[in-house]
Protein backbone atom coordinates (compact mmCIF):
# COMPACT_ATOMS: atom_id res chain seq x y z
CA UNK A 1 114.90 54.00 73.88
CA UNK A 2 118.73 54.70 73.70
CA UNK A 3 119.44 58.27 72.67
CA UNK A 4 122.39 59.45 70.68
CA UNK A 5 124.72 61.92 72.44
CA UNK A 6 124.40 65.58 71.69
CA UNK A 7 127.09 67.92 73.08
CA UNK A 8 126.63 71.70 73.11
CA UNK A 9 128.81 73.56 70.55
CA UNK A 10 130.44 75.56 73.25
CA UNK A 11 129.96 73.81 76.55
CA UNK A 12 130.68 75.83 79.69
CA UNK A 13 133.75 74.92 81.74
CA UNK A 14 133.39 73.43 85.23
CA UNK A 15 135.46 74.75 88.08
CA UNK A 16 136.33 73.03 91.33
CA UNK A 17 134.15 74.19 94.19
CA UNK A 18 136.06 72.15 96.84
CA UNK A 19 139.72 71.14 97.22
CA UNK A 20 139.04 67.96 99.18
CA UNK A 21 138.61 64.80 97.13
CA UNK A 22 135.86 62.36 98.43
CA UNK A 23 136.05 58.64 97.88
CA UNK A 24 132.34 58.30 97.23
CA UNK A 25 130.90 61.78 97.23
CA UNK A 26 127.02 61.64 96.84
CA UNK A 27 123.74 63.05 98.10
CA UNK A 28 124.42 66.69 97.03
CA UNK A 29 121.34 68.64 98.21
CA UNK A 30 120.37 72.35 98.41
CA UNK A 31 118.76 73.06 101.78
CA UNK A 32 118.27 76.44 103.38
CA UNK A 33 121.32 78.64 102.45
CA UNK A 34 123.78 75.75 101.96
CA UNK A 35 124.61 72.72 100.15
CA UNK A 36 125.07 69.35 101.91
CA UNK A 37 126.97 66.31 100.60
CA UNK A 38 128.06 62.96 101.94
CA UNK A 39 130.88 60.67 101.50
CA UNK A 40 128.99 57.36 101.66
CA UNK A 41 131.70 54.94 102.75
CA UNK A 42 133.28 57.41 105.06
CA UNK A 43 129.94 58.21 106.72
CA UNK A 44 130.53 61.94 106.73
CA UNK A 45 128.09 64.84 106.18
CA UNK A 46 129.45 68.18 105.07
CA UNK A 47 127.79 71.64 104.49
CA UNK A 48 129.04 73.77 101.64
CA UNK A 49 128.34 77.42 100.83
CA UNK A 50 126.74 77.73 97.34
CA UNK A 51 127.93 81.32 97.06
CA UNK A 52 131.57 80.87 97.97
CA UNK A 53 133.99 77.99 96.94
CA UNK A 54 135.48 76.10 99.78
CA UNK A 55 135.55 72.83 101.69
CA UNK A 56 132.80 73.94 104.09
CA UNK A 57 131.94 72.56 107.44
CA UNK A 58 132.01 68.95 108.50
CA UNK A 59 128.68 68.45 110.35
CA UNK A 60 129.12 64.87 111.63
CA UNK A 61 130.65 61.52 110.88
CA UNK A 62 128.91 58.10 111.40
CA UNK A 63 130.48 54.68 111.78
CA UNK A 64 128.21 53.28 109.08
CA UNK A 65 127.73 54.32 105.48
CA UNK A 66 125.73 57.47 104.90
CA UNK A 67 123.92 57.57 101.57
CA UNK A 68 121.87 60.81 101.77
CA UNK A 69 119.93 63.01 104.10
CA UNK A 70 116.93 65.24 104.17
CA UNK A 71 116.38 67.93 106.79
CA UNK A 72 113.69 67.13 109.20
CA UNK A 73 110.86 69.61 109.02
CA UNK A 74 110.39 71.66 112.24
CA UNK A 75 113.58 70.46 113.90
CA UNK A 76 116.73 72.32 112.77
CA UNK A 77 119.85 70.20 112.97
CA UNK A 78 117.97 66.94 112.68
CA UNK A 79 117.98 64.83 109.57
CA UNK A 80 116.24 61.79 108.17
CA UNK A 81 119.04 59.71 106.75
CA UNK A 82 119.66 56.68 104.61
CA UNK A 83 122.38 55.12 106.81
CA UNK A 84 123.94 51.67 107.27
CA UNK A 85 121.39 49.31 105.88
CA UNK A 86 118.26 51.39 106.45
CA UNK A 87 116.73 54.64 107.63
CA UNK A 88 117.20 56.74 110.82
CA UNK A 89 116.56 59.99 112.40
CA UNK A 90 119.95 61.67 112.84
CA UNK A 91 120.45 64.13 115.69
CA UNK A 92 122.99 66.96 115.62
CA UNK A 93 125.40 65.00 117.81
CA UNK A 94 125.47 62.20 115.25
CA UNK A 95 123.29 59.74 117.25
CA UNK A 96 120.96 57.58 115.26
CA UNK A 97 117.44 56.50 116.07
CA UNK A 98 116.62 53.61 113.63
CA UNK A 99 113.27 53.38 111.96
CA UNK A 100 114.03 50.20 110.05
CA UNK A 101 117.00 48.44 108.49
CA UNK A 102 115.68 46.51 105.52
CA UNK A 103 119.08 45.89 104.03
CA UNK A 104 120.15 43.94 107.08
CA UNK A 105 117.96 40.96 105.93
CA UNK A 106 119.64 40.71 102.50
CA UNK A 107 121.34 37.37 101.62
CA UNK A 108 124.51 39.29 100.87
CA UNK A 109 126.24 42.23 102.58
CA UNK A 110 124.44 45.41 101.65
CA UNK A 111 124.39 49.11 102.28
CA UNK A 112 122.22 52.23 101.61
CA UNK A 113 122.81 54.33 98.55
CA UNK A 114 121.17 57.58 97.32
CA UNK A 115 117.79 58.96 98.63
CA UNK A 116 115.63 62.13 98.86
CA UNK A 117 112.25 63.36 99.86
CA UNK A 118 109.25 63.88 97.59
CA UNK A 119 107.27 67.20 97.83
CA UNK A 120 104.97 65.67 100.54
CA UNK A 121 107.90 64.82 102.76
CA UNK A 122 108.11 61.11 102.25
CA UNK A 123 111.66 59.89 102.15
CA UNK A 124 112.75 57.37 99.47
CA UNK A 125 116.05 55.53 99.49
CA UNK A 126 117.85 52.66 97.89
CA UNK A 127 119.81 49.69 99.36
CA UNK A 128 122.28 47.74 97.26
CA UNK A 129 124.69 44.82 97.47
CA UNK A 130 128.34 45.68 98.04
CA UNK A 131 129.24 43.16 95.42
CA UNK A 132 126.75 44.25 92.87
CA UNK A 133 124.88 41.03 92.77
CA UNK A 134 122.11 41.48 90.17
CA UNK A 135 118.60 41.83 91.37
CA UNK A 136 119.29 42.38 95.04
CA UNK A 137 118.95 46.22 95.11
CA UNK A 138 115.72 47.75 96.28
CA UNK A 139 113.93 51.06 96.78
CA UNK A 140 112.17 51.86 100.10
CA UNK A 141 109.80 54.63 101.21
CA UNK A 142 109.67 56.21 104.69
CA UNK A 143 106.09 57.37 105.31
CA UNK A 144 104.95 60.16 107.65
CA UNK A 145 104.49 57.78 110.67
CA UNK A 146 108.08 56.58 110.27
CA UNK A 147 107.13 53.18 108.70
CA UNK A 148 109.48 51.88 106.07
CA UNK A 149 108.06 50.01 103.11
CA UNK A 150 109.89 48.34 100.22
CA UNK A 151 108.33 49.58 96.96
CA UNK A 152 110.60 48.41 94.16
CA UNK A 153 112.70 45.25 94.22
CA UNK A 154 114.67 43.37 91.53
CA UNK A 155 117.16 46.29 91.13
CA UNK A 156 120.93 46.13 91.38
CA UNK A 157 122.27 49.65 92.09
CA UNK A 158 119.30 51.97 92.65
CA UNK A 159 120.11 55.67 92.21
CA UNK A 160 118.16 58.83 92.64
CA UNK A 161 115.19 59.04 92.87
CA UNK A 162 114.16 62.42 91.60
CA UNK A 163 110.62 63.94 91.54
CA UNK A 164 108.72 66.51 89.47
CA UNK A 165 107.68 69.66 91.31
CA UNK A 166 104.14 68.39 91.70
CA UNK A 167 105.27 64.97 93.12
CA UNK A 168 103.28 63.03 90.61
CA UNK A 169 106.33 61.63 88.70
CA UNK A 170 109.33 59.82 90.02
CA UNK A 171 112.47 59.00 88.01
CA UNK A 172 114.61 56.06 89.36
CA UNK A 173 117.94 54.89 87.90
CA UNK A 174 119.41 51.37 88.04
CA UNK A 175 123.03 52.21 87.35
CA UNK A 176 124.07 48.53 86.78
CA UNK A 177 121.37 48.13 84.24
CA UNK A 178 121.97 51.38 82.42
CA UNK A 179 118.36 52.46 82.67
CA UNK A 180 116.14 55.19 84.14
CA UNK A 181 112.54 54.24 84.80
CA UNK A 182 109.56 56.72 85.09
CA UNK A 183 106.76 56.11 87.62
CA UNK A 184 103.47 57.85 88.21
CA UNK A 185 103.13 58.55 91.97
CA UNK A 186 99.86 58.85 93.93
CA UNK A 187 100.62 61.91 96.18
CA UNK A 188 98.00 60.88 98.66
CA UNK A 189 99.71 57.65 99.67
CA UNK A 190 102.95 57.45 97.70
CA UNK A 191 101.88 54.43 95.70
CA UNK A 192 103.87 53.92 92.52
CA UNK A 193 102.00 53.27 89.17
CA UNK A 194 102.65 52.86 85.49
CA UNK A 195 106.37 52.08 85.57
CA UNK A 196 108.01 52.66 82.13
CA UNK A 197 111.52 52.77 80.74
CA UNK A 198 112.37 56.44 80.32
CA UNK A 199 116.02 56.33 79.08
CA UNK A 200 118.43 53.59 78.40
CA UNK A 201 122.24 53.77 78.17
CA UNK A 202 124.42 51.92 75.73
CA UNK A 203 126.86 49.54 77.45
CA UNK A 204 129.85 51.83 76.68
CA UNK A 205 128.00 55.13 77.48
CA UNK A 206 128.49 55.19 81.24
CA UNK A 207 125.94 54.60 83.95
CA UNK A 208 123.06 56.85 85.22
CA UNK A 209 123.71 57.86 88.72
CA UNK A 210 122.19 60.73 90.85
CA UNK A 211 119.47 62.98 89.26
CA UNK A 212 117.51 66.21 89.80
CA UNK A 213 114.54 67.82 88.04
CA UNK A 214 114.75 71.51 87.20
CA UNK A 215 112.08 74.23 87.32
CA UNK A 216 111.18 73.45 83.54
CA UNK A 217 110.74 69.75 84.15
CA UNK A 218 114.03 68.71 82.63
CA UNK A 219 115.97 65.70 84.08
CA UNK A 220 119.65 66.30 84.94
CA UNK A 221 121.61 63.06 85.37
CA UNK A 222 125.16 62.47 86.55
CA UNK A 223 126.63 59.78 84.30
CA UNK A 224 129.15 57.64 86.16
CA UNK A 225 132.13 56.53 84.06
CA UNK A 226 131.48 59.01 81.26
CA UNK A 227 132.55 62.29 83.00
CA UNK A 228 129.31 63.91 82.03
CA UNK A 229 126.01 65.28 83.11
CA UNK A 230 123.08 64.74 80.75
CA UNK A 231 119.96 66.85 80.54
CA UNK A 232 116.78 65.24 79.24
CA UNK A 233 113.47 66.85 78.11
CA UNK A 234 110.28 65.65 79.82
CA UNK A 235 109.76 63.24 76.84
CA UNK A 236 113.16 61.60 77.35
CA UNK A 237 115.01 63.39 74.58
CA UNK A 238 118.61 64.08 75.37
CA UNK A 239 119.10 67.80 74.74
CA UNK A 240 122.49 68.59 76.40
CA UNK A 241 125.66 66.88 77.44
CA UNK A 242 128.05 68.78 79.83
CA UNK A 243 131.45 67.24 80.15
CA UNK A 244 133.38 67.66 83.35
CA UNK A 245 136.98 66.95 84.52
CA UNK A 246 136.08 64.05 86.69
CA UNK A 247 135.36 60.55 85.53
CA UNK A 248 132.67 59.57 88.09
CA UNK A 249 130.07 62.26 88.71
CA UNK A 250 127.46 61.02 91.19
CA UNK A 251 125.02 63.71 92.16
CA UNK A 252 123.88 67.07 90.62
CA UNK A 253 122.18 69.97 92.34
CA UNK A 254 120.84 73.21 90.73
CA UNK A 255 121.05 76.49 92.66
CA UNK A 256 120.20 79.91 91.25
CA UNK A 257 121.48 79.12 87.76
CA UNK A 258 124.62 77.07 88.85
CA UNK A 259 124.96 73.37 88.47
CA UNK A 260 126.88 71.68 91.27
CA UNK A 261 128.15 68.05 90.80
CA UNK A 262 129.55 65.72 93.41
CA UNK A 263 132.08 63.19 92.14
CA UNK A 264 134.10 60.16 93.44
CA UNK A 265 137.59 58.71 93.27
CA UNK A 266 136.67 55.13 94.30
CA UNK A 267 138.08 52.57 91.91
CA UNK A 268 140.26 54.93 89.98
CA UNK A 269 143.52 53.20 89.12
CA UNK A 270 145.85 55.91 90.09
CA UNK A 271 146.01 59.48 91.56
CA UNK A 272 143.34 61.57 89.61
CA UNK A 273 145.84 63.90 87.88
CA UNK A 274 144.81 63.22 84.30
CA UNK A 275 146.87 62.30 81.19
CA UNK A 276 149.44 64.70 79.78
CA UNK A 277 147.70 67.36 77.71
CA UNK A 278 144.28 66.45 79.12
CA UNK A 279 144.12 69.28 81.51
CA UNK A 280 143.75 69.09 85.32
CA UNK A 281 141.46 66.44 86.82
CA UNK A 282 139.25 67.03 89.77
CA UNK A 283 137.96 63.54 90.54
CA UNK A 284 136.37 63.44 94.10
CA UNK A 285 135.70 67.23 94.26
CA UNK A 286 132.44 69.02 93.99
CA UNK A 287 132.41 70.91 90.68
CA UNK A 288 130.36 73.97 89.57
CA UNK A 289 129.35 75.53 86.31
CA UNK A 290 126.82 78.36 85.32
CA UNK A 291 123.95 76.86 83.35
CA UNK A 292 121.09 79.31 83.73
CA UNK A 293 118.76 76.62 85.22
CA UNK A 294 117.45 76.14 88.74
CA UNK A 295 115.48 73.63 90.80
CA UNK A 296 113.51 73.81 94.05
CA UNK A 297 115.50 73.20 97.24
CA UNK A 298 115.48 69.76 98.64
CA UNK A 299 112.28 68.80 100.24
CA UNK A 300 112.34 68.29 104.06
CA UNK A 301 111.26 65.10 105.62
CA UNK A 302 107.85 65.28 107.37
CA UNK A 303 107.44 62.87 110.31
CA UNK A 304 104.54 62.84 112.75
CA UNK A 305 105.17 63.73 116.38
CA UNK A 306 105.82 60.63 118.41
CA UNK A 307 107.81 58.91 115.60
CA UNK A 308 110.98 57.51 117.11
CA UNK A 309 113.79 60.09 117.09
CA UNK A 310 111.61 63.08 116.48
CA UNK A 311 112.10 65.68 119.22
CA UNK A 312 108.98 66.51 121.22
CA UNK A 313 109.72 70.19 120.89
CA UNK A 314 109.51 72.18 117.67
CA UNK A 315 106.74 72.52 115.03
CA UNK A 316 106.09 69.85 112.42
CA UNK A 317 104.20 70.98 109.23
CA UNK A 318 100.80 69.41 109.20
CA UNK A 319 99.63 69.91 105.59
CA UNK A 320 101.10 66.58 104.47
CA UNK A 321 100.07 64.59 107.61
């Protein structure tokens, strides 16, 4: 059901963590001692220091869109990536070993969007039409053997997903439809069950974008077009709205009590400087604010030895295989 907005009486103030403005900043993830983020259309992957503001280190740049990455378990410097129209193993030099490109078969031009791993190390990512044609977005799952399966279709702009700590619940947003769905997940095989609408947004309330689940099971949602991050209780009740000085937040990450949010400049009519008296605008920058909540680091991708692109050296965790 649609929830009325509730804003904290004394909301904390966001501060810019980076100076660089990204056209379509996304995929903000906490991994190891750093944050990583992508600029989807620019194909760049950047590492940030969650303890010190700054523009960080550019790790690589692809000649195809880069939607999100997950570190590849047992192989430092390698990533499982949502890239181009599908999924690939990404080496430190930026070379790609494709696992599958499901978006290449779409009837219209498509690209990847957001993605992440569940606690077992399966990688989930979306593909979407550039033109936003309804019903042509899909969610895909990369299993431990590198196979890629389409698991949800009929979407338009899939965003997220986000998983609870035990991996038994997945949240998936369709930004164009203004809806977040909740699924039950079978951890043993990744099968999705019992799909239900979890939250809906009014047409003028912005669109749900990237999400994360905190240590208490609350869902944090970047709300594109509304300049806000919403926090929802496990039952779907909206219990906090945090306003930020950027119109298009895309991806939240929680690290040791700090909320980091990636944002975008794409589609803004003019330079993001704000209206007179409205205060400075930071569209396209990563922003940060102390919130006292934390979440587990991003789960690594677990691929079996012999999967294309997986180095033969290194140690791959076996508990999920």
